[in-house]
Amino acid sequence: MVSEKGALFGAKLVRGAYMEKERERAAEMGYPSPIQPDKASSDRDYNLALKFCVDNYGVISLCSGTHNEYSNQYLTELMEGKNIAPHDPGIYFAQLYGMSDNISFNLSKAGYNVVKYVPYGPVEAVLPYLFRRSEENSSIAGQTSREFQYIKKEIKRRIKQERSKT
């Protein structure tokens, strides 16, 4: 679907990667912090932004870049509520390669458009970014443990499947 002028507004929604740095910078420079006061506020407003984009589907093309399970599920519900097909080219889900693979896999298996992004560049530029992503994602510890459990379960499933072939 295209707007009256023949173009779409493209939005990639992301959250949180620079929260601590932005708070520090605001304090150093003497201006109010532009960052949400807490994770609950950030989650609420991210989901409101998803709703805004889906409510304005046809004018806005969306890429939702989040590892938050609820936000990904919520977007699928919003799409279903507006009769937007999972494979519609106007909505994509995105996660960092190596993170939330369970979310990416299940969305893809259900027919949704999924991309995994890979930071590219010199090591001295990429590693600080990856460290920020892991440090500033408050749910990373639980998520990593959960993903490790999914990986172990999948390895066991594959071993069992191979053994049943012989």
N, C-alpha and C. Protein backbone atom coordinates (compact mmCIF):
# COMPACT_ATOMS: atom_id res chain seq x y z
N MET A 1 0.85 -1.17 0.00
CA MET A 1 0.00 0.00 0.00
C MET A 1 0.90 1.24 0.00
N VAL A 2 0.51 2.27 -0.73
CA VAL A 2 1.32 3.48 -0.88
C VAL A 2 0.48 4.70 -0.53
N SER A 3 1.11 5.72 0.00
CA SER A 3 0.40 6.95 0.35
C SER A 3 -0.08 7.68 -0.90
N GLU A 4 -0.86 8.73 -0.70
CA GLU A 4 -1.38 9.53 -1.82
C GLU A 4 -0.26 10.07 -2.70
N LYS A 5 0.87 10.38 -2.11
CA LYS A 5 2.00 10.95 -2.84
C LYS A 5 2.88 9.89 -3.48
N GLY A 6 2.53 8.61 -3.27
CA GLY A 6 3.29 7.54 -3.90
C GLY A 6 4.51 7.10 -3.12
N ALA A 7 4.61 7.48 -1.85
CA ALA A 7 5.76 7.10 -1.05
C ALA A 7 5.32 6.67 0.34
N LEU A 8 6.14 5.87 0.97
CA LEU A 8 5.91 5.45 2.34
C LEU A 8 6.95 6.09 3.25
N PHE A 9 6.58 6.30 4.48
CA PHE A 9 7.54 6.70 5.50
C PHE A 9 8.10 5.41 6.07
N GLY A 10 9.40 5.27 6.08
CA GLY A 10 10.04 4.08 6.64
C GLY A 10 10.49 4.34 8.06
N ALA A 11 10.08 3.48 8.99
CA ALA A 11 10.47 3.62 10.39
C ALA A 11 11.10 2.34 10.89
N LYS A 12 12.26 2.47 11.53
CA LYS A 12 12.85 1.35 12.26
C LYS A 12 12.81 1.73 13.72
N LEU A 13 12.02 0.98 14.49
CA LEU A 13 11.91 1.24 15.91
C LEU A 13 12.94 0.40 16.66
N VAL A 14 13.70 1.04 17.52
CA VAL A 14 14.68 0.37 18.38
C VAL A 14 14.56 0.94 19.77
N ARG A 15 15.18 0.28 20.73
CA ARG A 15 15.13 0.82 22.09
C ARG A 15 16.40 0.50 22.85
N GLY A 16 16.83 1.46 23.65
CA GLY A 16 17.75 1.22 24.73
C GLY A 16 19.25 1.14 24.56
N ALA A 17 19.80 1.07 23.39
CA ALA A 17 21.22 0.78 23.26
C ALA A 17 22.14 1.83 23.88
N TYR A 18 21.69 3.03 24.01
CA TYR A 18 22.57 4.09 24.49
C TYR A 18 22.03 4.80 25.73
N MET A 19 21.18 4.15 26.50
CA MET A 19 20.50 4.80 27.61
C MET A 19 21.46 5.40 28.63
N GLU A 20 22.41 4.62 29.11
CA GLU A 20 23.32 5.11 30.15
C GLU A 20 24.20 6.23 29.62
N LYS A 21 24.71 6.06 28.42
CA LYS A 21 25.58 7.09 27.82
C LYS A 21 24.83 8.41 27.64
N GLU A 22 23.58 8.33 27.19
CA GLU A 22 22.80 9.55 26.98
C GLU A 22 22.48 10.24 28.30
N ARG A 23 22.20 9.47 29.34
CA ARG A 23 21.96 10.06 30.66
C ARG A 23 23.21 10.79 31.16
N GLU A 24 24.36 10.14 31.02
CA GLU A 24 25.63 10.75 31.43
C GLU A 24 25.90 12.03 30.65
N ARG A 25 25.69 11.97 29.36
CA ARG A 25 25.94 13.14 28.51
C ARG A 25 25.04 14.30 28.90
N ALA A 26 23.76 14.02 29.14
CA ALA A 26 22.82 15.07 29.54
C ALA A 26 23.26 15.71 30.85
N ALA A 27 23.70 14.88 31.79
CA ALA A 27 24.15 15.41 33.09
C ALA A 27 25.40 16.28 32.91
N GLU A 28 26.34 15.81 32.11
CA GLU A 28 27.58 16.56 31.86
C GLU A 28 27.31 17.89 31.17
N MET A 29 26.34 17.91 30.26
CA MET A 29 26.08 19.11 29.47
C MET A 29 24.96 19.97 30.05
N GLY A 30 24.35 19.51 31.15
CA GLY A 30 23.37 20.32 31.85
C GLY A 30 22.01 20.44 31.20
N TYR A 31 21.58 19.41 30.47
CA TYR A 31 20.22 19.45 29.93
C TYR A 31 19.45 18.23 30.45
N PRO A 32 18.12 18.30 30.43
CA PRO A 32 17.32 17.17 30.94
C PRO A 32 17.59 15.91 30.12
N SER A 33 17.59 14.79 30.78
CA SER A 33 17.82 13.52 30.10
C SER A 33 16.72 13.26 29.08
N PRO A 34 17.12 12.90 27.85
CA PRO A 34 16.12 12.59 26.83
C PRO A 34 15.64 11.13 26.90
N ILE A 35 16.14 10.41 27.89
CA ILE A 35 15.90 8.98 28.00
C ILE A 35 14.72 8.69 28.93
N GLN A 36 14.01 7.63 28.62
CA GLN A 36 12.90 7.20 29.47
C GLN A 36 13.38 7.02 30.91
N PRO A 37 12.51 7.29 31.89
CA PRO A 37 12.92 7.17 33.28
C PRO A 37 13.16 5.74 33.75
N ASP A 38 12.50 4.77 33.10
CA ASP A 38 12.66 3.38 33.52
C ASP A 38 12.27 2.45 32.36
N LYS A 39 12.56 1.16 32.56
CA LYS A 39 12.29 0.18 31.51
C LYS A 39 10.80 0.07 31.20
N ALA A 40 9.96 0.13 32.23
CA ALA A 40 8.52 0.02 32.01
C ALA A 40 8.02 1.14 31.08
N SER A 41 8.53 2.35 31.27
CA SER A 41 8.14 3.47 30.41
C SER A 41 8.62 3.24 28.98
N SER A 42 9.84 2.74 28.86
CA SER A 42 10.39 2.45 27.54
C SER A 42 9.57 1.38 26.83
N ASP A 43 9.24 0.31 27.55
CA ASP A 43 8.43 -0.76 26.96
C ASP A 43 7.06 -0.25 26.54
N ARG A 44 6.43 0.52 27.41
CA ARG A 44 5.09 1.04 27.11
C ARG A 44 5.12 1.90 25.84
N ASP A 45 6.08 2.82 25.77
CA ASP A 45 6.13 3.72 24.62
C ASP A 45 6.57 3.02 23.34
N TYR A 46 7.43 2.01 23.46
CA TYR A 46 7.80 1.23 22.27
C TYR A 46 6.55 0.56 21.69
N ASN A 47 5.76 -0.05 22.58
CA ASN A 47 4.55 -0.73 22.11
C ASN A 47 3.52 0.25 21.57
N LEU A 48 3.45 1.44 22.14
CA LEU A 48 2.57 2.48 21.60
C LEU A 48 3.04 2.90 20.20
N ALA A 49 4.36 2.95 20.01
CA ALA A 49 4.90 3.30 18.69
C ALA A 49 4.57 2.21 17.67
N LEU A 50 4.64 0.94 18.10
CA LEU A 50 4.23 -0.15 17.20
C LEU A 50 2.78 0.02 16.78
N LYS A 51 1.93 0.30 17.76
CA LYS A 51 0.50 0.49 17.48
C LYS A 51 0.29 1.66 16.52
N PHE A 52 1.00 2.77 16.75
CA PHE A 52 0.89 3.93 15.87
C PHE A 52 1.26 3.55 14.43
N CYS A 53 2.36 2.82 14.28
CA CYS A 53 2.81 2.43 12.94
C CYS A 53 1.79 1.52 12.26
N VAL A 54 1.28 0.54 12.99
CA VAL A 54 0.31 -0.38 12.39
C VAL A 54 -1.01 0.34 12.12
N ASP A 55 -1.41 1.23 13.01
CA ASP A 55 -2.64 2.02 12.77
C ASP A 55 -2.50 2.90 11.53
N ASN A 56 -1.28 3.25 11.18
CA ASN A 56 -1.02 4.09 10.02
C ASN A 56 -0.38 3.30 8.88
N TYR A 57 -0.61 2.00 8.91
CA TYR A 57 -0.12 1.13 7.86
C TYR A 57 -0.67 1.62 6.51
N GLY A 58 0.17 1.62 5.54
CA GLY A 58 -0.20 2.16 4.23
C GLY A 58 0.48 3.49 4.00
N VAL A 59 0.86 4.14 5.06
CA VAL A 59 1.64 5.38 5.00
C VAL A 59 3.02 5.12 5.62
N ILE A 60 3.05 4.18 6.58
CA ILE A 60 4.29 3.84 7.28
C ILE A 60 4.67 2.40 6.98
N SER A 61 5.92 2.20 6.62
CA SER A 61 6.50 0.87 6.49
C SER A 61 7.38 0.68 7.72
N LEU A 62 7.29 -0.47 8.37
CA LEU A 62 7.90 -0.66 9.70
C LEU A 62 8.92 -1.78 9.74
N CYS A 63 10.02 -1.50 10.43
CA CYS A 63 10.97 -2.53 10.83
C CYS A 63 11.07 -2.43 12.36
N SER A 64 10.62 -3.46 13.05
CA SER A 64 10.64 -3.49 14.51
C SER A 64 11.90 -4.21 14.96
N GLY A 65 12.86 -3.44 15.48
CA GLY A 65 14.13 -4.00 15.92
C GLY A 65 14.15 -4.16 17.42
N THR A 66 13.70 -5.32 17.89
CA THR A 66 13.68 -5.56 19.33
C THR A 66 13.88 -7.03 19.65
N HIS A 67 14.49 -7.28 20.81
CA HIS A 67 14.64 -8.63 21.33
C HIS A 67 13.58 -8.92 22.38
N ASN A 68 12.69 -7.98 22.61
CA ASN A 68 11.66 -8.11 23.63
C ASN A 68 10.56 -9.05 23.12
N GLU A 69 10.38 -10.16 23.81
CA GLU A 69 9.41 -11.17 23.36
C GLU A 69 8.00 -10.61 23.29
N TYR A 70 7.59 -9.86 24.33
CA TYR A 70 6.23 -9.34 24.34
C TYR A 70 6.01 -8.40 23.16
N SER A 71 6.94 -7.51 22.89
CA SER A 71 6.77 -6.55 21.80
C SER A 71 6.65 -7.25 20.45
N ASN A 72 7.41 -8.30 20.25
CA ASN A 72 7.29 -9.06 19.00
C ASN A 72 5.93 -9.74 18.90
N GLN A 73 5.47 -10.35 19.98
CA GLN A 73 4.15 -10.97 19.99
C GLN A 73 3.06 -9.92 19.77
N TYR A 74 3.22 -8.78 20.44
CA TYR A 74 2.24 -7.70 20.32
C TYR A 74 2.12 -7.23 18.87
N LEU A 75 3.24 -7.11 18.18
CA LEU A 75 3.20 -6.68 16.78
C LEU A 75 2.45 -7.70 15.93
N THR A 76 2.66 -8.99 16.19
CA THR A 76 1.91 -9.99 15.41
C THR A 76 0.41 -9.85 15.67
N GLU A 77 0.03 -9.56 16.92
CA GLU A 77 -1.39 -9.37 17.25
C GLU A 77 -1.95 -8.13 16.57
N LEU A 78 -1.17 -7.05 16.55
CA LEU A 78 -1.61 -5.83 15.87
C LEU A 78 -1.82 -6.10 14.38
N MET A 79 -0.89 -6.82 13.77
CA MET A 79 -1.01 -7.15 12.35
C MET A 79 -2.26 -7.98 12.10
N GLU A 80 -2.48 -8.97 12.94
CA GLU A 80 -3.65 -9.82 12.78
C GLU A 80 -4.93 -9.00 12.91
N GLY A 81 -4.95 -8.08 13.87
CA GLY A 81 -6.11 -7.24 14.08
C GLY A 81 -6.44 -6.33 12.91
N LYS A 82 -5.43 -6.00 12.10
CA LYS A 82 -5.63 -5.14 10.92
C LYS A 82 -5.64 -5.96 9.63
N ASN A 83 -5.67 -7.29 9.76
CA ASN A 83 -5.66 -8.20 8.61
C ASN A 83 -4.45 -7.98 7.70
N ILE A 84 -3.31 -7.75 8.32
CA ILE A 84 -2.05 -7.60 7.58
C ILE A 84 -1.38 -8.97 7.56
N ALA A 85 -1.13 -9.48 6.39
CA ALA A 85 -0.54 -10.81 6.26
C ALA A 85 0.87 -10.84 6.87
N PRO A 86 1.25 -11.97 7.47
CA PRO A 86 2.59 -12.08 8.06
C PRO A 86 3.71 -11.74 7.08
N HIS A 87 3.55 -12.12 5.82
CA HIS A 87 4.60 -11.91 4.82
C HIS A 87 4.50 -10.56 4.11
N ASP A 88 3.62 -9.67 4.58
CA ASP A 88 3.46 -8.37 3.94
C ASP A 88 4.80 -7.64 3.89
N PRO A 89 5.19 -7.10 2.75
CA PRO A 89 6.51 -6.46 2.63
C PRO A 89 6.65 -5.13 3.38
N GLY A 90 5.57 -4.66 4.00
CA GLY A 90 5.64 -3.39 4.71
C GLY A 90 6.00 -3.51 6.18
N ILE A 91 6.16 -4.74 6.70
CA ILE A 91 6.49 -4.92 8.11
C ILE A 91 7.53 -6.02 8.26
N TYR A 92 8.61 -5.67 8.96
CA TYR A 92 9.70 -6.60 9.24
C TYR A 92 10.02 -6.64 10.72
N PHE A 93 10.52 -7.76 11.16
CA PHE A 93 11.03 -7.96 12.51
C PHE A 93 12.54 -8.10 12.39
N ALA A 94 13.29 -7.51 13.33
CA ALA A 94 14.76 -7.58 13.25
C ALA A 94 15.37 -7.83 14.62
N GLN A 95 16.36 -8.71 14.65
CA GLN A 95 17.13 -8.96 15.85
C GLN A 95 18.62 -9.07 15.48
N LEU A 96 19.44 -8.78 16.45
CA LEU A 96 20.88 -8.88 16.29
C LEU A 96 21.25 -10.36 16.12
N TYR A 97 22.10 -10.64 15.15
CA TYR A 97 22.55 -12.01 14.89
C TYR A 97 23.14 -12.60 16.18
N GLY A 98 22.65 -13.78 16.54
CA GLY A 98 23.14 -14.45 17.74
C GLY A 98 22.31 -14.15 18.98
N MET A 99 21.36 -13.24 18.87
CA MET A 99 20.48 -12.94 20.00
C MET A 99 19.04 -13.21 19.59
N SER A 100 18.27 -13.73 20.52
CA SER A 100 16.84 -13.97 20.31
C SER A 100 16.56 -14.83 19.09
N ASP A 101 17.43 -15.80 18.86
CA ASP A 101 17.22 -16.67 17.71
C ASP A 101 15.92 -17.46 17.82
N ASN A 102 15.48 -17.74 19.05
CA ASN A 102 14.20 -18.42 19.22
C ASN A 102 13.05 -17.56 18.71
N ILE A 103 13.12 -16.25 18.95
CA ILE A 103 12.08 -15.34 18.46
C ILE A 103 12.13 -15.29 16.94
N SER A 104 13.32 -15.08 16.40
CA SER A 104 13.48 -14.98 14.94
C SER A 104 13.00 -16.24 14.25
N PHE A 105 13.40 -17.39 14.79
CA PHE A 105 13.03 -18.67 14.17
C PHE A 105 11.52 -18.85 14.16
N ASN A 106 10.88 -18.62 15.29
CA ASN A 106 9.43 -18.83 15.37
C ASN A 106 8.65 -17.85 14.51
N LEU A 107 9.09 -16.59 14.47
CA LEU A 107 8.42 -15.63 13.59
C LEU A 107 8.57 -16.04 12.14
N SER A 108 9.78 -16.43 11.76
CA SER A 108 10.04 -16.84 10.39
C SER A 108 9.23 -18.08 10.02
N LYS A 109 9.19 -19.03 10.93
CA LYS A 109 8.44 -20.27 10.69
C LYS A 109 6.95 -19.97 10.50
N ALA A 110 6.45 -18.93 11.19
CA ALA A 110 5.04 -18.55 11.06
C ALA A 110 4.79 -17.67 9.83
N GLY A 111 5.84 -17.40 9.04
CA GLY A 111 5.67 -16.68 7.79
C GLY A 111 5.95 -15.19 7.85
N TYR A 112 6.42 -14.69 9.00
CA TYR A 112 6.71 -13.26 9.12
C TYR A 112 8.06 -12.94 8.49
N ASN A 113 8.22 -11.70 8.07
CA ASN A 113 9.49 -11.23 7.52
C ASN A 113 10.45 -10.96 8.67
N VAL A 114 11.57 -11.65 8.66
CA VAL A 114 12.55 -11.53 9.74
C VAL A 114 13.93 -11.28 9.15
N VAL A 115 14.65 -10.35 9.75
CA VAL A 115 16.04 -10.13 9.38
C VAL A 115 16.90 -10.22 10.63
N LYS A 116 18.10 -10.72 10.44
CA LYS A 116 19.10 -10.73 11.50
C LYS A 116 20.17 -9.75 11.04
N TYR A 117 20.50 -8.80 11.88
CA TYR A 117 21.50 -7.83 11.45
C TYR A 117 22.83 -8.12 12.11
N VAL A 118 23.88 -7.81 11.38
CA VAL A 118 25.24 -8.07 11.82
C VAL A 118 26.00 -6.76 11.82
N PRO A 119 26.49 -6.34 12.98
CA PRO A 119 27.32 -5.13 12.99
C PRO A 119 28.57 -5.39 12.14
N TYR A 120 28.91 -4.43 11.34
CA TYR A 120 30.03 -4.58 10.42
C TYR A 120 30.98 -3.40 10.59
N GLY A 121 32.25 -3.70 10.59
CA GLY A 121 33.24 -2.64 10.67
C GLY A 121 34.47 -3.12 11.40
N PRO A 122 35.38 -2.19 11.67
CA PRO A 122 36.59 -2.57 12.39
C PRO A 122 36.24 -3.07 13.81
N VAL A 123 37.01 -4.02 14.29
CA VAL A 123 36.77 -4.61 15.60
C VAL A 123 36.66 -3.54 16.68
N GLU A 124 37.52 -2.52 16.61
CA GLU A 124 37.50 -1.48 17.65
C GLU A 124 36.21 -0.67 17.63
N ALA A 125 35.47 -0.70 16.53
CA ALA A 125 34.18 -0.01 16.46
C ALA A 125 33.02 -0.95 16.80
N VAL A 126 33.13 -2.22 16.39
CA VAL A 126 32.04 -3.16 16.58
C VAL A 126 31.95 -3.66 18.01
N LEU A 127 33.08 -3.99 18.64
CA LEU A 127 33.03 -4.53 19.99
C LEU A 127 32.39 -3.59 21.00
N PRO A 128 32.73 -2.30 21.00
CA PRO A 128 32.04 -1.41 21.94
C PRO A 128 30.53 -1.41 21.74
N TYR A 129 30.08 -1.47 20.50
CA TYR A 129 28.65 -1.53 20.22
C TYR A 129 28.04 -2.79 20.83
N LEU A 130 28.68 -3.93 20.61
CA LEU A 130 28.16 -5.19 21.13
C LEU A 130 28.17 -5.20 22.66
N PHE A 131 29.21 -4.62 23.27
CA PHE A 131 29.25 -4.54 24.73
C PHE A 131 28.10 -3.67 25.24
N ARG A 132 27.84 -2.56 24.57
CA ARG A 132 26.72 -1.69 24.98
C ARG A 132 25.41 -2.45 24.88
N ARG A 133 25.24 -3.17 23.78
CA ARG A 133 23.99 -3.92 23.60
C ARG A 133 23.80 -4.91 24.74
N SER A 134 24.85 -5.60 25.13
CA SER A 134 24.70 -6.59 26.20
C SER A 134 24.58 -5.93 27.58
N GLU A 135 25.31 -4.86 27.81
CA GLU A 135 25.27 -4.19 29.12
C GLU A 135 23.96 -3.47 29.34
N GLU A 136 23.44 -2.83 28.32
CA GLU A 136 22.29 -1.97 28.50
C GLU A 136 20.96 -2.65 28.26
N ASN A 137 20.98 -3.90 27.84
CA ASN A 137 19.75 -4.66 27.72
C ASN A 137 19.52 -5.33 29.07
N SER A 138 18.64 -4.76 29.85
CA SER A 138 18.46 -5.21 31.23
C SER A 138 18.00 -6.66 31.35
N SER A 139 17.46 -7.22 30.28
CA SER A 139 16.99 -8.60 30.36
C SER A 139 17.99 -9.58 29.77
N ILE A 140 19.18 -9.12 29.44
CA ILE A 140 20.12 -9.99 28.72
C ILE A 140 20.52 -11.23 29.51
N ALA A 141 20.71 -11.11 30.82
CA ALA A 141 21.15 -12.26 31.60
C ALA A 141 20.13 -13.39 31.53
N GLY A 142 18.87 -13.08 31.80
CA GLY A 142 17.83 -14.10 31.73
C GLY A 142 17.62 -14.60 30.33
N GLN A 143 17.70 -13.71 29.37
CA GLN A 143 17.48 -14.07 27.97
C GLN A 143 18.59 -14.99 27.49
N THR A 144 19.83 -14.70 27.85
CA THR A 144 20.95 -15.53 27.41
C THR A 144 20.82 -16.93 27.99
N SER A 145 20.46 -17.02 29.27
CA SER A 145 20.28 -18.32 29.90
C SER A 145 19.17 -19.10 29.22
N ARG A 146 18.07 -18.43 28.93
CA ARG A 146 16.94 -19.07 28.27
C ARG A 146 17.34 -19.54 26.87
N GLU A 147 18.06 -18.70 26.14
CA GLU A 147 18.49 -19.09 24.79
C GLU A 147 19.44 -20.28 24.84
N PHE A 148 20.32 -20.31 25.86
CA PHE A 148 21.23 -21.44 26.00
C PHE A 148 20.42 -22.72 26.22
N GLN A 149 19.36 -22.64 27.02
CA GLN A 149 18.50 -23.81 27.25
C GLN A 149 17.83 -24.26 25.95
N TYR A 150 17.38 -23.29 25.13
CA TYR A 150 16.79 -23.62 23.83
C TYR A 150 17.80 -24.33 22.93
N ILE A 151 19.02 -23.85 22.93
CA ILE A 151 20.08 -24.45 22.11
C ILE A 151 20.34 -25.88 22.56
N LYS A 152 20.46 -26.09 23.86
CA LYS A 152 20.69 -27.44 24.38
C LYS A 152 19.55 -28.37 24.00
N LYS A 153 18.33 -27.87 24.11
CA LYS A 153 17.15 -28.67 23.76
C LYS A 153 17.17 -29.04 22.27
N GLU A 154 17.54 -28.07 21.42
CA GLU A 154 17.60 -28.33 19.99
C GLU A 154 18.70 -29.33 19.64
N ILE A 155 19.84 -29.24 20.29
CA ILE A 155 20.92 -30.20 20.05
C ILE A 155 20.45 -31.60 20.41
N LYS A 156 19.80 -31.73 21.56
CA LYS A 156 19.29 -33.04 21.98
C LYS A 156 18.27 -33.57 20.97
N ARG A 157 17.40 -32.68 20.48
CA ARG A 157 16.39 -33.10 19.50
C ARG A 157 17.06 -33.62 18.23
N ARG A 158 18.09 -32.90 17.78
CA ARG A 158 18.78 -33.32 16.55
C ARG A 158 19.52 -34.63 16.73
N ILE A 159 20.14 -34.82 17.89
CA ILE A 159 20.84 -36.08 18.16
C ILE A 159 19.84 -37.23 18.15
N LYS A 160 18.72 -37.03 18.80
CA LYS A 160 17.67 -38.06 18.87
C LYS A 160 17.16 -38.37 17.45
N GLN A 161 16.97 -37.32 16.64
CA GLN A 161 16.49 -37.50 15.27
C GLN A 161 17.50 -38.30 14.45
N GLU A 162 18.79 -37.98 14.61
CA GLU A 162 19.83 -38.71 13.86
C GLU A 162 19.89 -40.16 14.29
N ARG A 163 19.77 -40.41 15.58
CA ARG A 163 19.82 -41.78 16.09
C ARG A 163 18.64 -42.61 15.58
N SER A 164 17.48 -41.96 15.44
CA SER A 164 16.31 -42.69 14.96
C SER A 164 16.41 -43.05 13.48
N LYS A 165 17.29 -42.39 12.76
CA LYS A 165 17.51 -42.69 11.33
C LYS A 165 18.32 -43.95 11.13
N THR A 166 19.13 -44.28 12.15
CA THR A 166 20.02 -45.45 12.00
C THR A 166 19.43 -46.72 12.53
